[in-house]
Protein backbone atom coordinates (compact mmCIF):
# COMPACT_ATOMS: atom_id res chain seq x y z
CA MET A 1 -22.83 59.50 140.33
CA LYS A 2 -22.59 56.56 137.57
CA PRO A 3 -21.81 57.52 134.13
CA ILE A 4 -25.04 56.00 132.78
CA VAL A 5 -27.26 57.99 135.36
CA LEU A 6 -25.43 61.15 134.33
CA LEU A 7 -26.03 60.66 130.69
CA PHE A 8 -29.84 60.20 131.06
CA CYS A 9 -30.16 62.97 133.53
CA LEU A 10 -28.18 65.18 130.88
CA ALA A 11 -30.70 63.59 128.03
CA MET A 12 -33.81 64.61 130.16
CA ILE A 13 -32.67 68.06 130.58
CA ALA A 14 -31.63 68.31 127.19
CA CYS A 15 -35.04 67.36 125.81
CA SER A 16 -36.67 69.59 128.62
CA THR A 17 -35.16 72.70 126.53
CA LYS A 18 -36.30 71.57 123.07
CA GLU A 19 -40.04 71.18 121.87
CA VAL A 20 -40.55 67.32 121.32
CA GLN A 21 -43.10 66.01 118.94
CA SER A 22 -46.00 64.27 120.30
CA VAL A 23 -45.31 60.30 119.86
CA ASP A 24 -48.67 59.60 118.86
CA GLU A 25 -49.24 62.56 116.48
CA GLU A 26 -50.74 61.47 113.37
CA VAL A 27 -48.60 61.69 109.73
CA LEU A 28 -50.93 62.24 107.00
CA THR A 29 -50.06 61.64 103.42
CA PHE A 30 -51.30 63.40 100.79
CA SER A 31 -51.02 63.28 96.95
CA VAL A 32 -50.87 65.31 93.52
CA MET A 33 -51.23 64.12 90.08
CA MET A 34 -50.46 67.20 88.03
CA VAL A 35 -51.95 66.84 84.53
CA GLN A 36 -52.95 69.97 82.11
CA GLU A 37 -56.34 68.98 81.97
CA ASN A 38 -56.63 70.58 85.80
CA VAL A 39 -54.96 73.88 84.67
CA ALA A 40 -57.58 76.71 85.16
CA THR A 41 -58.73 77.49 81.42
CA THR A 42 -57.45 81.46 82.38
CA SER A 43 -53.88 80.35 82.37
CA MET A 44 -53.80 77.39 79.95
CA GLY A 45 -50.73 77.62 78.31
CA GLU A 46 -49.10 75.53 75.18
CA ILE A 47 -50.51 72.10 74.91
CA THR A 48 -48.34 69.47 76.58
CA PRO A 49 -48.01 65.79 77.17
CA ALA A 50 -46.59 66.16 80.42
CA SER A 51 -47.34 65.23 83.60
CA GLY A 52 -46.36 64.86 87.45
CA GLY A 53 -46.73 63.35 90.72
CA ALA A 54 -46.05 63.89 94.24
CA LYS A 55 -46.30 62.70 97.86
CA LEU A 56 -46.56 64.89 100.66
CA THR A 57 -46.51 63.92 104.22
CA LEU A 58 -47.79 66.18 107.25
CA LEU A 59 -46.46 65.73 110.80
CA GLY A 60 -47.90 68.59 112.54
CA ASN A 61 -47.69 71.60 110.83
CA GLU A 62 -44.63 70.46 108.90
CA LEU A 63 -45.16 69.41 105.35
CA THR A 64 -42.79 67.22 103.38
CA VAL A 65 -43.12 67.41 99.66
CA THR A 66 -41.18 64.93 97.35
CA GLY A 67 -42.63 64.44 93.52
CA GLU A 68 -41.50 64.45 89.94
CA PHE A 69 -42.47 65.37 86.27
CA GLU A 70 -41.82 64.03 82.76
CA ASP A 71 -42.58 64.65 79.00
CA LEU A 72 -42.37 68.70 78.70
CA ASN A 73 -42.24 69.62 75.59
CA ILE A 74 -42.67 73.59 76.19
CA GLN A 75 -39.44 75.55 75.25
CA MET A 76 -38.08 76.47 78.74
CA GLN A 77 -35.80 79.22 77.81
CA ASP A 78 -34.63 82.08 75.25
CA ALA A 79 -31.86 81.13 72.83
CA SER A 80 -30.19 84.28 74.28
CA GLU A 81 -30.99 83.61 77.79
CA ARG A 82 -29.34 81.06 80.53
CA PRO A 83 -31.85 77.71 80.69
CA GLN A 84 -34.57 78.46 83.11
CA THR A 85 -35.67 75.68 85.47
CA PRO A 86 -39.48 75.10 85.78
CA VAL A 87 -41.31 76.54 88.97
CA VAL A 88 -43.34 74.31 91.17
CA HIS A 89 -45.84 76.19 93.48
CA ILE A 90 -48.33 75.25 96.35
CA HIS A 91 -51.00 77.62 96.27
CA PRO A 92 -54.37 78.15 98.05
CA GLY A 93 -57.52 77.73 95.93
CA LEU A 94 -60.17 75.27 94.43
CA PRO A 95 -60.37 73.52 91.15
CA GLY A 96 -60.41 76.62 88.66
CA GLU A 97 -59.58 78.79 90.89
CA GLU A 98 -55.87 81.07 90.32
CA ASN A 99 -54.11 82.51 93.49
CA GLU A 100 -51.02 83.62 94.61
CA TYR A 101 -48.44 81.04 95.83
CA LEU A 102 -47.49 80.14 99.29
CA TYR A 103 -44.60 77.92 98.81
CA GLU A 104 -42.07 77.37 96.00
CA LEU A 105 -40.41 74.14 95.73
CA GLU A 106 -36.94 73.06 94.70
CA VAL A 107 -36.42 71.78 91.28
CA LYS A 108 -33.73 69.76 89.80
CA LEU A 109 -34.01 69.04 85.98
CA HIS A 110 -32.66 65.70 84.49
CA ASP A 111 -30.02 65.75 81.88
CA GLU A 112 -32.42 65.47 78.99
CA GLY A 113 -34.25 68.62 80.32
CA ASN A 114 -37.66 67.52 79.82
CA SER A 115 -38.27 65.93 83.07
CA GLY A 116 -36.96 66.50 86.36
CA THR A 117 -37.76 66.12 90.45
CA PHE A 118 -38.93 68.79 92.88
CA TYR A 119 -38.96 69.00 96.67
CA GLY A 120 -39.18 71.17 99.59
CA THR A 121 -39.90 71.18 103.48
CA PHE A 122 -42.54 74.10 104.80
CA GLU A 123 -43.93 74.88 108.31
CA LEU A 124 -47.41 75.48 107.87
CA SER A 125 -49.64 77.85 109.68
CA ASP A 126 -52.88 76.55 111.52
CA ASP A 127 -54.66 78.06 108.59
CA GLU A 128 -52.88 76.65 105.70
CA VAL A 129 -52.92 72.94 107.68
CA ALA A 130 -56.83 73.52 107.39
CA LEU A 131 -56.63 74.38 103.76
CA LEU A 132 -54.82 71.28 103.10
CA ALA A 133 -57.06 68.98 105.14
CA ASP A 134 -59.99 70.33 103.26
CA GLY A 135 -58.55 70.31 100.03
CA ARG A 136 -58.26 73.84 99.08
CA LEU A 137 -54.43 73.90 98.15
CA TYR A 138 -53.04 72.88 94.88
CA MET A 139 -49.98 72.72 93.10
CA ASP A 140 -49.02 73.88 89.93
CA LEU A 141 -45.66 73.66 87.36
CA HIS A 142 -44.91 76.68 85.35
CA THR A 143 -42.19 76.45 82.48
CA HIS A 144 -41.29 80.03 83.18
CA PRO A 145 -41.59 82.05 86.47
CA GLN A 146 -44.13 84.32 85.18
CA GLY A 147 -45.93 81.88 82.84
CA PRO A 148 -49.05 80.08 82.82
CA SER A 149 -49.47 76.75 84.48
CA THR A 150 -48.47 73.97 82.24
CA ILE A 151 -49.65 71.19 84.59
CA ARG A 152 -51.64 71.21 87.96
CA ASP A 153 -53.47 69.07 90.43
CA GLN A 154 -55.41 69.64 93.76
CA ILE A 155 -53.66 68.13 97.05
CA GLN A 156 -56.03 65.46 98.07
CA ILE A 157 -55.63 62.82 101.01
CA TYR A 158 -53.64 60.06 99.51
CA GLU A 159 -55.99 56.88 97.96
CA PRO A 160 -53.10 54.46 96.43
CA GLN A 161 -55.98 53.06 94.22
CA ASP A 162 -55.97 56.90 92.63
CA PHE A 163 -52.73 56.78 92.20
CA GLU A 164 -52.31 53.57 90.72
CA THR A 165 -54.87 54.62 88.28
CA PHE A 166 -53.03 57.78 87.10
CA LEU A 167 -49.93 55.97 86.82
CA THR A 168 -51.33 53.64 84.72
CA SER A 169 -53.43 56.20 82.48
CA ALA A 170 -50.16 58.38 82.10
CA MET A 171 -48.13 55.59 80.71
CA VAL A 172 -50.81 55.16 77.93
CA TYR A 173 -49.47 56.63 74.79
CA LYS A 174 -51.81 59.46 73.37
CA PRO A 175 -51.04 60.42 70.01
């Protein structure tokens, strides 16, 4: 048997033993533009100019999140404790609702300590995919693991014009 045919046969056998993603499966893109005004009033913490944004992509049931936040002006640590990193979660719920989180994202603080990035990849259940598609998931950032939300937003289908409007308004200085 020629080597190229043997390699092709081995590749076909390997592919047949693994679950393969459909080539025509649609990638859905979502966005989040977190600000304090979106926080449920029952969990409103200290006033902050902080904001954050994220892009979320869904392929099948796999959700990938990459985002960043800036301008945290809230003390994130007790002087007697080691520094605490802000916590970013994905929760089920509509605007104004508060529920236990489903997923926690990794957070990396920048050197100055008031901004950073967050990311994660999660395998959603079919019910969670339905919640996402219906706009019934939200993302929030806490400055302490058990503390109130600092900034929050519903996860929604990505609309480029909405994100550009958010970026423009977030860049305007508010005294």
